[in-house]
Amino acid sequence: MRIASDAPRTILGAGLMVALQGLTGLVFAVVLVVSGSSTPGNNVYGEAAYFAVLAAGVLAAGIGLLLGKHWARSPSIVMQILLLGVAWYAAGPSGRPEFGVPFGLLVLGTLVLLFHPRSSAWAQGDSGAGD
């Protein structure tokens, strides 16, 4: 995989964070299958497949950003906004701030990189946006 040289560092940094989120989701799906579930009526394979498909989409967007593909920015922004809700729920109603707060900070950091002026200029095709 050749990392894009024309994309600004903000896009590359966001791509790295989004790709790591996708990899984490795939690891979670594997752990879900390996650990299994003793809950009656719970289809662990279907749940793992669902998470694997979603994580693969996140990973694809992260790789797209690392390769300097303009299409990857919008899905990455949408995913980060959705994940911000997940972080809020983990930190608040679920009572697990030790997971929700760091994850929320990671998501916010990724959004800052995706909305940075250099990232926006790059997304609009400004050839001088790279640094």
Protein backbone atom coordinates (compact mmCIF):
# COMPACT_ATOMS: atom_id res chain seq x y z
CA MET A 1 0.00 0.00 0.00
CA ARG A 2 1.44 3.34 -1.05
CA ILE A 3 0.48 6.19 1.25
CA ALA A 4 -0.67 9.27 -0.63
CA SER A 5 1.92 12.01 -0.93
CA ASP A 6 -0.48 14.70 -2.13
CA ALA A 7 -2.88 14.42 0.81
CA PRO A 8 -2.23 16.73 3.77
CA ARG A 9 -0.98 15.25 7.03
CA THR A 10 -4.33 15.95 8.63
CA ILE A 11 -5.98 13.53 6.18
CA LEU A 12 -3.26 10.94 6.71
CA GLY A 13 -3.62 11.23 10.49
CA ALA A 14 -7.39 10.89 10.25
CA GLY A 15 -6.95 7.93 7.91
CA LEU A 16 -4.71 6.21 10.42
CA MET A 17 -7.22 6.73 13.24
CA VAL A 18 -10.18 5.59 11.12
CA ALA A 19 -8.26 2.51 9.93
CA LEU A 20 -7.38 1.65 13.55
CA GLN A 21 -11.06 1.93 14.47
CA GLY A 22 -11.89 -0.49 11.66
CA LEU A 23 -9.19 -2.94 12.74
CA THR A 24 -10.45 -2.74 16.31
CA GLY A 25 -13.95 -3.57 15.11
CA LEU A 26 -12.67 -6.61 13.20
CA VAL A 27 -10.77 -7.81 16.28
CA PHE A 28 -13.96 -7.36 18.31
CA ALA A 29 -15.89 -9.52 15.81
CA VAL A 30 -13.27 -12.28 16.07
CA VAL A 31 -13.28 -12.13 19.87
CA LEU A 32 -17.08 -12.33 19.81
CA VAL A 33 -16.95 -15.57 17.82
CA VAL A 34 -14.14 -17.07 19.89
CA SER A 35 -15.70 -16.24 23.25
CA GLY A 36 -19.18 -17.34 22.17
CA SER A 37 -22.28 -16.63 24.17
CA SER A 38 -24.30 -18.63 26.65
CA THR A 39 -27.35 -16.39 26.31
CA PRO A 40 -30.29 -18.39 24.91
CA GLY A 41 -31.59 -17.08 21.60
CA ASN A 42 -28.45 -15.03 20.88
CA ASN A 43 -26.98 -15.66 17.42
CA VAL A 44 -23.33 -14.87 18.08
CA TYR A 45 -22.32 -15.62 14.48
CA GLY A 46 -24.85 -13.20 13.05
CA GLU A 47 -23.81 -10.54 15.53
CA ALA A 48 -20.13 -11.07 14.72
CA ALA A 49 -20.85 -10.95 10.97
CA TYR A 50 -22.76 -7.69 11.44
CA PHE A 51 -19.86 -6.10 13.31
CA ALA A 52 -17.36 -7.48 10.78
CA VAL A 53 -19.23 -5.89 7.85
CA LEU A 54 -19.46 -2.53 9.62
CA ALA A 55 -15.80 -2.67 10.68
CA ALA A 56 -14.74 -3.57 7.14
CA GLY A 57 -16.49 -0.43 5.90
CA VAL A 58 -14.73 1.70 8.49
CA LEU A 59 -11.40 0.08 7.60
CA ALA A 60 -12.02 0.69 3.88
CA ALA A 61 -12.66 4.38 4.53
CA GLY A 62 -9.50 4.63 6.63
CA ILE A 63 -7.42 2.97 3.92
CA GLY A 64 -9.04 5.26 1.37
CA LEU A 65 -7.91 8.30 3.34
CA LEU A 66 -4.39 6.89 3.67
CA LEU A 67 -4.32 6.41 -0.11
CA GLY A 68 -5.51 9.98 -0.64
CA LYS A 69 -8.94 9.07 -2.03
CA HIS A 70 -11.34 11.99 -1.78
CA TRP A 71 -14.41 9.75 -1.55
CA ALA A 72 -13.28 8.42 1.85
CA ARG A 73 -13.63 11.71 3.74
CA SER A 74 -17.44 11.93 3.78
CA PRO A 75 -18.09 8.37 4.99
CA SER A 76 -15.37 8.87 7.61
CA ILE A 77 -17.10 12.01 8.89
CA VAL A 78 -20.46 10.23 9.08
CA MET A 79 -18.90 7.29 10.92
CA GLN A 80 -17.18 9.59 13.41
CA ILE A 81 -20.45 11.38 14.16
CA LEU A 82 -22.15 8.02 14.75
CA LEU A 83 -19.26 6.83 16.91
CA LEU A 84 -19.47 10.03 18.94
CA GLY A 85 -22.97 8.91 19.93
CA VAL A 86 -21.59 5.50 20.90
CA ALA A 87 -18.93 7.17 23.05
CA TRP A 88 -21.54 9.38 24.72
CA TYR A 89 -23.71 6.36 25.49
CA ALA A 90 -20.75 4.43 26.90
CA ALA A 91 -19.69 7.34 29.09
CA GLY A 92 -23.17 8.31 30.27
CA PRO A 93 -26.14 5.94 30.32
CA SER A 94 -24.00 2.76 30.29
CA GLY A 95 -21.94 4.01 33.22
CA ARG A 96 -18.62 3.10 31.59
CA PRO A 97 -16.75 6.41 31.36
CA GLU A 98 -13.42 4.57 31.37
CA PHE A 99 -14.31 3.40 27.85
CA GLY A 100 -16.52 6.22 26.63
CA VAL A 101 -14.35 9.24 27.48
CA PRO A 102 -11.09 8.09 25.80
CA PHE A 103 -13.02 6.80 22.81
CA GLY A 104 -14.93 10.08 22.57
CA LEU A 105 -11.67 12.02 22.64
CA LEU A 106 -10.30 9.85 19.83
CA VAL A 107 -13.43 10.45 17.77
CA LEU A 108 -13.34 14.20 18.42
CA GLY A 109 -9.66 14.30 17.46
CA THR A 110 -10.44 12.50 14.22
CA LEU A 111 -13.26 14.94 13.45
CA VAL A 112 -10.94 17.89 14.09
CA LEU A 113 -8.47 16.43 11.58
CA LEU A 114 -11.22 15.77 9.02
CA PHE A 115 -12.60 19.33 9.33
CA HIS A 116 -9.21 21.05 9.46
CA PRO A 117 -8.90 23.82 6.82
CA ARG A 118 -6.20 21.85 4.96
CA SER A 119 -8.44 18.78 4.89
CA SER A 120 -11.37 20.81 3.61
CA ALA A 121 -9.26 22.48 0.94
CA TRP A 122 -7.91 19.08 -0.12
CA ALA A 123 -11.42 17.64 -0.33
CA GLN A 124 -12.45 20.52 -2.58
CA GLY A 125 -9.59 19.82 -4.92
CA ASP A 126 -7.22 22.63 -3.93
CA SER A 127 -3.85 21.41 -5.21
CA GLY A 128 -1.95 23.50 -2.67
CA ALA A 129 -3.62 21.83 0.32
CA GLY A 130 -0.89 19.24 0.91
CA ASP A 131 1.88 20.03 3.35
